[in-house]
Amino acid sequence: MALSLMTVVFWATGIANVGFISILYLTSLVLFNIAPASDVFSLWTSPTIYLVIGAYLIADAVNRSGLGERIAYLFVLKFVNSFKSIIISTFVLQIILSLLIPHPWPRAFIVLSVMQVIIKSAEMVKKRMQQLLVFPYLQLLFQHLCCF
């Protein structure tokens, strides 16, 4: 329990990089015989973690190359003409980007960054801005409830 508390405090205060603190925590669990190494590092033996890491790498590549924003802008220019159509377009944009990015969280981050650019360029009122920025996360919740 003390190691967990120490880790959370180090993360919150930003004493070191989050990755280094995480490695320190995991190795401390093994060195102090709190948990066996097979349990501590079992996550790295499952293929799911590599799927998630790959999804974040793809999302970063799509984000850095500007491909996600170009797809979004093309879609928005053709189909968005009201507040309601912006909301519907975020759902459709998530479906289109799901072909490129399999994991929903990186996809939501890309849609969120695109929505921020669209909101700034449209000079929307603050209340409408806040409503729109919640939708990518609501879509994630909806996808998880429907699919699992």
N, C-alpha and C. Protein backbone atom coordinates (compact mmCIF):
# COMPACT_ATOMS: atom_id res chain seq x y z
N MET A 1 0.81 -1.18 0.00
CA MET A 1 0.00 0.00 0.00
C MET A 1 0.87 1.26 0.00
N ALA A 2 1.98 1.22 0.71
CA ALA A 2 2.87 2.38 0.78
C ALA A 2 3.50 2.64 -0.59
N LEU A 3 3.85 1.57 -1.30
CA LEU A 3 4.42 1.76 -2.64
C LEU A 3 3.41 2.38 -3.59
N SER A 4 2.17 1.95 -3.50
CA SER A 4 1.13 2.52 -4.35
C SER A 4 0.91 3.99 -4.03
N LEU A 5 0.88 4.33 -2.76
CA LEU A 5 0.71 5.72 -2.35
C LEU A 5 1.90 6.56 -2.82
N MET A 6 3.12 6.01 -2.67
CA MET A 6 4.30 6.72 -3.12
C MET A 6 4.22 6.99 -4.63
N THR A 7 3.78 6.00 -5.38
CA THR A 7 3.69 6.14 -6.83
C THR A 7 2.68 7.22 -7.21
N VAL A 8 1.53 7.21 -6.56
CA VAL A 8 0.51 8.22 -6.86
C VAL A 8 1.00 9.62 -6.50
N VAL A 9 1.67 9.76 -5.38
CA VAL A 9 2.21 11.06 -4.96
C VAL A 9 3.27 11.53 -5.95
N PHE A 10 4.15 10.62 -6.38
CA PHE A 10 5.18 10.98 -7.36
C PHE A 10 4.56 11.39 -8.69
N TRP A 11 3.50 10.67 -9.10
CA TRP A 11 2.80 11.05 -10.35
C TRP A 11 2.17 12.42 -10.21
N ALA A 12 1.51 12.65 -9.09
CA ALA A 12 0.78 13.92 -8.89
C ALA A 12 1.71 15.11 -8.79
N THR A 13 2.85 14.93 -8.13
CA THR A 13 3.77 16.05 -7.96
C THR A 13 4.71 16.22 -9.14
N GLY A 14 4.80 15.21 -9.99
CA GLY A 14 5.65 15.33 -11.17
C GLY A 14 7.13 15.31 -10.84
N ILE A 15 7.51 14.55 -9.84
CA ILE A 15 8.91 14.47 -9.43
C ILE A 15 9.79 13.95 -10.57
N ALA A 16 9.29 12.98 -11.27
CA ALA A 16 10.03 12.41 -12.40
C ALA A 16 9.03 12.08 -13.50
N ASN A 17 9.54 11.62 -14.60
CA ASN A 17 8.70 11.20 -15.72
C ASN A 17 7.80 10.05 -15.27
N VAL A 18 6.58 10.04 -15.75
CA VAL A 18 5.59 9.03 -15.36
C VAL A 18 6.09 7.62 -15.68
N GLY A 19 6.75 7.46 -16.81
CA GLY A 19 7.28 6.14 -17.18
C GLY A 19 8.32 5.63 -16.20
N PHE A 20 9.22 6.51 -15.77
CA PHE A 20 10.24 6.10 -14.80
C PHE A 20 9.62 5.73 -13.46
N ILE A 21 8.63 6.48 -13.04
CA ILE A 21 7.96 6.19 -11.77
C ILE A 21 7.24 4.84 -11.86
N SER A 22 6.64 4.57 -13.01
CA SER A 22 5.94 3.29 -13.19
C SER A 22 6.92 2.12 -13.15
N ILE A 23 8.06 2.27 -13.81
CA ILE A 23 9.08 1.21 -13.79
C ILE A 23 9.60 1.01 -12.37
N LEU A 24 9.82 2.12 -11.65
CA LEU A 24 10.26 2.02 -10.26
C LEU A 24 9.24 1.27 -9.42
N TYR A 25 7.96 1.55 -9.62
CA TYR A 25 6.91 0.87 -8.87
C TYR A 25 6.88 -0.63 -9.18
N LEU A 26 6.94 -0.97 -10.45
CA LEU A 26 6.87 -2.39 -10.82
C LEU A 26 8.09 -3.16 -10.32
N THR A 27 9.26 -2.58 -10.45
CA THR A 27 10.45 -3.29 -9.96
C THR A 27 10.46 -3.36 -8.44
N SER A 28 9.92 -2.36 -7.75
CA SER A 28 9.83 -2.41 -6.29
C SER A 28 8.90 -3.52 -5.83
N LEU A 29 7.82 -3.73 -6.56
CA LEU A 29 6.91 -4.83 -6.22
C LEU A 29 7.63 -6.17 -6.27
N VAL A 30 8.50 -6.33 -7.26
CA VAL A 30 9.22 -7.60 -7.40
C VAL A 30 10.36 -7.68 -6.39
N LEU A 31 11.14 -6.60 -6.21
CA LEU A 31 12.30 -6.63 -5.31
C LEU A 31 11.91 -6.83 -3.85
N PHE A 32 10.81 -6.28 -3.42
CA PHE A 32 10.38 -6.43 -2.04
C PHE A 32 9.45 -7.62 -1.83
N ASN A 33 9.35 -8.50 -2.83
CA ASN A 33 8.54 -9.73 -2.77
C ASN A 33 7.08 -9.46 -2.42
N ILE A 34 6.54 -8.36 -2.92
CA ILE A 34 5.14 -8.06 -2.70
C ILE A 34 4.28 -8.85 -3.67
N ALA A 35 4.78 -9.02 -4.88
CA ALA A 35 4.07 -9.80 -5.89
C ALA A 35 5.12 -10.53 -6.74
N PRO A 36 4.78 -11.71 -7.22
CA PRO A 36 5.73 -12.43 -8.07
C PRO A 36 5.89 -11.72 -9.43
N ALA A 37 7.06 -11.88 -10.00
CA ALA A 37 7.37 -11.23 -11.28
C ALA A 37 6.41 -11.68 -12.38
N SER A 38 5.95 -12.92 -12.33
CA SER A 38 5.02 -13.41 -13.35
C SER A 38 3.70 -12.66 -13.31
N ASP A 39 3.26 -12.25 -12.12
CA ASP A 39 2.02 -11.47 -12.02
C ASP A 39 2.24 -10.00 -12.39
N VAL A 40 3.36 -9.45 -11.96
CA VAL A 40 3.63 -8.03 -12.21
C VAL A 40 3.78 -7.75 -13.70
N PHE A 41 4.47 -8.62 -14.38
CA PHE A 41 4.75 -8.38 -15.80
C PHE A 41 3.87 -9.21 -16.74
N SER A 42 2.79 -9.77 -16.22
CA SER A 42 1.92 -10.61 -17.05
C SER A 42 1.22 -9.81 -18.15
N LEU A 43 1.02 -8.53 -17.93
CA LEU A 43 0.38 -7.70 -18.95
C LEU A 43 1.18 -7.70 -20.25
N TRP A 44 2.50 -7.73 -20.14
CA TRP A 44 3.36 -7.66 -21.33
C TRP A 44 3.41 -8.97 -22.10
N THR A 45 2.85 -10.03 -21.54
CA THR A 45 2.83 -11.30 -22.27
C THR A 45 1.52 -11.51 -23.03
N SER A 46 0.56 -10.62 -22.84
CA SER A 46 -0.71 -10.77 -23.56
C SER A 46 -0.68 -9.93 -24.83
N PRO A 47 -1.34 -10.39 -25.88
CA PRO A 47 -1.34 -9.63 -27.15
C PRO A 47 -2.17 -8.35 -27.10
N THR A 48 -3.03 -8.21 -26.10
CA THR A 48 -3.89 -7.03 -26.02
C THR A 48 -3.09 -5.75 -25.84
N ILE A 49 -2.06 -5.79 -25.03
CA ILE A 49 -1.27 -4.58 -24.78
C ILE A 49 -0.59 -4.11 -26.06
N TYR A 50 -0.18 -5.05 -26.90
CA TYR A 50 0.48 -4.66 -28.15
C TYR A 50 -0.54 -4.09 -29.15
N LEU A 51 -1.77 -4.53 -29.06
CA LEU A 51 -2.83 -3.95 -29.88
C LEU A 51 -3.08 -2.50 -29.48
N VAL A 52 -3.11 -2.24 -28.17
CA VAL A 52 -3.32 -0.88 -27.68
C VAL A 52 -2.14 0.02 -28.03
N ILE A 53 -0.93 -0.47 -27.83
CA ILE A 53 0.27 0.32 -28.17
C ILE A 53 0.30 0.61 -29.66
N GLY A 54 -0.02 -0.39 -30.46
CA GLY A 54 -0.06 -0.18 -31.91
C GLY A 54 -1.11 0.85 -32.31
N ALA A 55 -2.24 0.82 -31.63
CA ALA A 55 -3.30 1.79 -31.93
C ALA A 55 -2.85 3.20 -31.62
N TYR A 56 -2.15 3.39 -30.50
CA TYR A 56 -1.64 4.72 -30.17
C TYR A 56 -0.57 5.16 -31.16
N LEU A 57 0.26 4.24 -31.62
CA LEU A 57 1.26 4.60 -32.63
C LEU A 57 0.61 5.02 -33.95
N ILE A 58 -0.43 4.28 -34.34
CA ILE A 58 -1.16 4.65 -35.56
C ILE A 58 -1.84 5.99 -35.38
N ALA A 59 -2.45 6.20 -34.22
CA ALA A 59 -3.13 7.48 -33.96
C ALA A 59 -2.14 8.63 -34.00
N ASP A 60 -0.96 8.43 -33.44
CA ASP A 60 0.05 9.48 -33.46
C ASP A 60 0.52 9.76 -34.88
N ALA A 61 0.70 8.70 -35.67
CA ALA A 61 1.11 8.89 -37.06
C ALA A 61 0.03 9.62 -37.87
N VAL A 62 -1.22 9.23 -37.66
CA VAL A 62 -2.32 9.90 -38.36
C VAL A 62 -2.43 11.36 -37.93
N ASN A 63 -2.20 11.60 -36.63
CA ASN A 63 -2.28 12.97 -36.12
C ASN A 63 -1.12 13.83 -36.63
N ARG A 64 0.10 13.29 -36.59
CA ARG A 64 1.27 14.07 -37.04
C ARG A 64 1.27 14.31 -38.54
N SER A 65 0.79 13.36 -39.29
CA SER A 65 0.77 13.52 -40.74
C SER A 65 -0.35 14.44 -41.20
N GLY A 66 -1.34 14.64 -40.35
CA GLY A 66 -2.46 15.50 -40.70
C GLY A 66 -3.56 14.76 -41.46
N LEU A 67 -3.42 13.46 -41.60
CA LEU A 67 -4.40 12.68 -42.35
C LEU A 67 -5.77 12.71 -41.67
N GLY A 68 -5.79 12.59 -40.34
CA GLY A 68 -7.06 12.62 -39.62
C GLY A 68 -7.77 13.95 -39.79
N GLU A 69 -7.03 15.04 -39.71
CA GLU A 69 -7.65 16.36 -39.87
C GLU A 69 -8.12 16.57 -41.31
N ARG A 70 -7.36 16.09 -42.27
CA ARG A 70 -7.79 16.26 -43.67
C ARG A 70 -9.07 15.49 -43.95
N ILE A 71 -9.15 14.27 -43.42
CA ILE A 71 -10.38 13.48 -43.58
C ILE A 71 -11.54 14.21 -42.91
N ALA A 72 -11.30 14.72 -41.72
CA ALA A 72 -12.36 15.40 -40.98
C ALA A 72 -12.80 16.67 -41.70
N TYR A 73 -11.84 17.47 -42.16
CA TYR A 73 -12.20 18.70 -42.86
C TYR A 73 -12.97 18.42 -44.13
N LEU A 74 -12.54 17.42 -44.87
CA LEU A 74 -13.25 17.05 -46.10
C LEU A 74 -14.69 16.66 -45.78
N PHE A 75 -14.84 15.85 -44.75
CA PHE A 75 -16.16 15.40 -44.35
C PHE A 75 -17.02 16.56 -43.85
N VAL A 76 -16.43 17.42 -43.03
CA VAL A 76 -17.18 18.54 -42.45
C VAL A 76 -17.60 19.53 -43.53
N LEU A 77 -16.71 19.80 -44.48
CA LEU A 77 -17.05 20.75 -45.54
C LEU A 77 -18.23 20.27 -46.38
N LYS A 78 -18.32 18.95 -46.56
CA LYS A 78 -19.40 18.42 -47.39
C LYS A 78 -20.72 18.26 -46.66
N PHE A 79 -20.68 17.89 -45.37
CA PHE A 79 -21.90 17.45 -44.71
C PHE A 79 -22.36 18.29 -43.52
N VAL A 80 -21.56 19.22 -43.04
CA VAL A 80 -21.92 19.96 -41.83
C VAL A 80 -22.46 21.33 -42.20
N ASN A 81 -23.69 21.61 -41.72
CA ASN A 81 -24.27 22.93 -41.96
C ASN A 81 -25.07 23.44 -40.76
N SER A 82 -25.11 22.67 -39.65
CA SER A 82 -25.81 23.11 -38.44
C SER A 82 -25.19 22.42 -37.24
N PHE A 83 -25.66 22.82 -36.06
CA PHE A 83 -25.16 22.22 -34.82
C PHE A 83 -25.48 20.73 -34.77
N LYS A 84 -26.69 20.37 -35.17
CA LYS A 84 -27.10 18.97 -35.17
C LYS A 84 -26.25 18.15 -36.13
N SER A 85 -25.95 18.71 -37.28
CA SER A 85 -25.14 17.97 -38.25
C SER A 85 -23.69 17.81 -37.78
N ILE A 86 -23.21 18.74 -36.93
CA ILE A 86 -21.87 18.58 -36.36
C ILE A 86 -21.85 17.36 -35.44
N ILE A 87 -22.88 17.22 -34.64
CA ILE A 87 -22.95 16.09 -33.71
C ILE A 87 -23.04 14.77 -34.49
N ILE A 88 -23.88 14.74 -35.48
CA ILE A 88 -24.01 13.52 -36.29
C ILE A 88 -22.70 13.24 -37.02
N SER A 89 -22.03 14.28 -37.48
CA SER A 89 -20.79 14.08 -38.22
C SER A 89 -19.68 13.52 -37.33
N THR A 90 -19.70 13.85 -36.03
CA THR A 90 -18.69 13.26 -35.15
C THR A 90 -18.88 11.75 -35.03
N PHE A 91 -20.13 11.31 -35.01
CA PHE A 91 -20.39 9.86 -34.98
C PHE A 91 -19.89 9.21 -36.28
N VAL A 92 -20.22 9.81 -37.39
CA VAL A 92 -19.81 9.25 -38.68
C VAL A 92 -18.29 9.30 -38.84
N LEU A 93 -17.68 10.39 -38.36
CA LEU A 93 -16.23 10.53 -38.42
C LEU A 93 -15.54 9.45 -37.59
N GLN A 94 -16.12 9.12 -36.46
CA GLN A 94 -15.56 8.03 -35.64
C GLN A 94 -15.60 6.71 -36.41
N ILE A 95 -16.66 6.48 -37.12
CA ILE A 95 -16.77 5.24 -37.90
C ILE A 95 -15.74 5.21 -39.03
N ILE A 96 -15.57 6.33 -39.71
CA ILE A 96 -14.59 6.40 -40.79
C ILE A 96 -13.18 6.20 -40.25
N LEU A 97 -12.85 6.89 -39.15
CA LEU A 97 -11.51 6.76 -38.58
C LEU A 97 -11.27 5.39 -37.95
N SER A 98 -12.34 4.66 -37.63
CA SER A 98 -12.15 3.33 -37.06
C SER A 98 -11.51 2.37 -38.05
N LEU A 99 -11.58 2.69 -39.32
CA LEU A 99 -10.90 1.87 -40.32
C LEU A 99 -9.39 2.05 -40.25
N LEU A 100 -8.95 3.24 -39.82
CA LEU A 100 -7.52 3.52 -39.70
C LEU A 100 -6.98 3.26 -38.31
N ILE A 101 -7.79 3.54 -37.30
CA ILE A 101 -7.35 3.44 -35.91
C ILE A 101 -8.30 2.52 -35.16
N PRO A 102 -7.85 1.31 -34.83
CA PRO A 102 -8.77 0.34 -34.22
C PRO A 102 -9.17 0.66 -32.78
N HIS A 103 -8.32 1.28 -32.00
CA HIS A 103 -8.63 1.54 -30.60
C HIS A 103 -9.43 2.82 -30.45
N PRO A 104 -10.50 2.83 -29.64
CA PRO A 104 -11.38 4.00 -29.58
C PRO A 104 -10.79 5.24 -28.90
N TRP A 105 -9.90 5.08 -27.92
CA TRP A 105 -9.39 6.27 -27.22
C TRP A 105 -8.53 7.16 -28.11
N PRO A 106 -7.55 6.62 -28.83
CA PRO A 106 -6.80 7.51 -29.73
C PRO A 106 -7.68 8.14 -30.80
N ARG A 107 -8.67 7.39 -31.26
CA ARG A 107 -9.60 7.92 -32.26
C ARG A 107 -10.40 9.09 -31.68
N ALA A 108 -10.80 8.98 -30.43
CA ALA A 108 -11.54 10.07 -29.78
C ALA A 108 -10.65 11.30 -29.62
N PHE A 109 -9.36 11.09 -29.33
CA PHE A 109 -8.45 12.23 -29.21
C PHE A 109 -8.30 12.96 -30.54
N ILE A 110 -8.24 12.21 -31.63
CA ILE A 110 -8.13 12.85 -32.95
C ILE A 110 -9.40 13.62 -33.27
N VAL A 111 -10.56 13.01 -33.03
CA VAL A 111 -11.82 13.70 -33.30
C VAL A 111 -11.94 14.94 -32.41
N LEU A 112 -11.49 14.83 -31.16
CA LEU A 112 -11.54 15.97 -30.26
C LEU A 112 -10.66 17.11 -30.77
N SER A 113 -9.46 16.80 -31.25
CA SER A 113 -8.59 17.86 -31.76
C SER A 113 -9.18 18.50 -33.02
N VAL A 114 -9.80 17.69 -33.86
CA VAL A 114 -10.46 18.22 -35.06
C VAL A 114 -11.63 19.11 -34.66
N MET A 115 -12.42 18.67 -33.68
CA MET A 115 -13.57 19.46 -33.24
C MET A 115 -13.13 20.80 -32.65
N GLN A 116 -12.00 20.80 -31.94
CA GLN A 116 -11.50 22.06 -31.39
C GLN A 116 -11.14 23.04 -32.50
N VAL A 117 -10.52 22.55 -33.56
CA VAL A 117 -10.17 23.42 -34.68
C VAL A 117 -11.44 23.95 -35.35
N ILE A 118 -12.42 23.09 -35.54
CA ILE A 118 -13.68 23.50 -36.18
C ILE A 118 -14.41 24.52 -35.32
N ILE A 119 -14.43 24.31 -34.01
CA ILE A 119 -15.10 25.24 -33.10
C ILE A 119 -14.43 26.60 -33.12
N LYS A 120 -13.09 26.60 -33.09
CA LYS A 120 -12.36 27.87 -33.11
C LYS A 120 -12.58 28.62 -34.42
N SER A 121 -12.59 27.89 -35.52
CA SER A 121 -12.78 28.57 -36.81
C SER A 121 -14.22 29.04 -36.99
N ALA A 122 -15.17 28.37 -36.36
CA ALA A 122 -16.57 28.78 -36.47
C ALA A 122 -16.94 29.86 -35.45
N GLU A 123 -16.04 30.14 -34.50
CA GLU A 123 -16.27 31.12 -33.44
C GLU A 123 -17.61 30.89 -32.73
N MET A 124 -17.77 29.68 -32.21
CA MET A 124 -19.01 29.32 -31.52
C MET A 124 -19.04 29.89 -30.11
N VAL A 125 -20.23 29.95 -29.56
CA VAL A 125 -20.40 30.41 -28.19
C VAL A 125 -19.82 29.35 -27.24
N LYS A 126 -19.40 29.79 -26.05
CA LYS A 126 -18.72 28.90 -25.12
C LYS A 126 -19.59 27.72 -24.69
N LYS A 127 -20.88 27.93 -24.48
CA LYS A 127 -21.78 26.85 -24.06
C LYS A 127 -21.86 25.77 -25.13
N ARG A 128 -21.98 26.17 -26.38
CA ARG A 128 -22.03 25.20 -27.48
C ARG A 128 -20.69 24.47 -27.61
N MET A 129 -19.59 25.20 -27.37
CA MET A 129 -18.26 24.58 -27.43
C MET A 129 -18.15 23.44 -26.44
N GLN A 130 -18.56 23.69 -25.21
CA GLN A 130 -18.47 22.67 -24.17
C GLN A 130 -19.34 21.47 -24.50
N GLN A 131 -20.50 21.71 -25.07
CA GLN A 131 -21.38 20.61 -25.45
C GLN A 131 -20.73 19.76 -26.53
N LEU A 132 -20.10 20.39 -27.49
CA LEU A 132 -19.50 19.64 -28.59
C LEU A 132 -18.28 18.84 -28.15
N LEU A 133 -17.50 19.39 -27.23
CA LEU A 133 -16.28 18.70 -26.82
C LEU A 133 -16.56 17.47 -25.96
N VAL A 134 -17.77 17.32 -25.46
CA VAL A 134 -18.13 16.15 -24.67
C VAL A 134 -18.50 14.96 -25.59
N PHE A 135 -18.92 15.24 -26.80
CA PHE A 135 -19.45 14.18 -27.66
C PHE A 135 -18.47 13.07 -28.02
N PRO A 136 -17.18 13.32 -28.30
CA PRO A 136 -16.30 12.18 -28.57
C PRO A 136 -16.24 11.19 -27.42
N TYR A 137 -16.29 11.68 -26.18
CA TYR A 137 -16.25 10.78 -25.03
C TYR A 137 -17.59 10.06 -24.82
N LEU A 138 -18.67 10.74 -25.10
CA LEU A 138 -19.97 10.07 -25.04
C LEU A 138 -20.07 8.98 -26.10
N GLN A 139 -19.46 9.23 -27.24
CA GLN A 139 -19.46 8.21 -28.29
C GLN A 139 -18.69 6.97 -27.85
N LEU A 140 -17.57 7.18 -27.15
CA LEU A 140 -16.81 6.04 -26.63
C LEU A 140 -17.66 5.21 -25.68
N LEU A 141 -18.36 5.89 -24.79
CA LEU A 141 -19.23 5.19 -23.85
C LEU A 141 -20.32 4.42 -24.59
N PHE A 142 -20.92 5.05 -25.58
CA PHE A 142 -21.95 4.41 -26.38
C PHE A 142 -21.42 3.18 -27.10
N GLN A 143 -20.22 3.30 -27.67
CA GLN A 143 -19.62 2.16 -28.39
C GLN A 143 -19.35 1.00 -27.45
N HIS A 144 -18.85 1.30 -26.25
CA HIS A 144 -18.55 0.22 -25.31
C HIS A 144 -19.82 -0.44 -24.78
N LEU A 145 -20.87 0.34 -24.59
CA LEU A 145 -22.12 -0.25 -24.10
C LEU A 145 -22.77 -1.11 -25.17
N CYS A 146 -22.65 -0.71 -26.42
CA CYS A 146 -23.29 -1.47 -27.51
C CYS A 146 -22.49 -2.70 -27.91
N CYS A 147 -21.18 -2.60 -27.85
CA CYS A 147 -20.33 -3.66 -28.40
C CYS A 147 -19.95 -4.72 -27.39
N PHE A 148 -20.00 -4.41 -26.08
CA PHE A 148 -19.54 -5.39 -25.10
C PHE A 148 -20.64 -5.82 -24.19
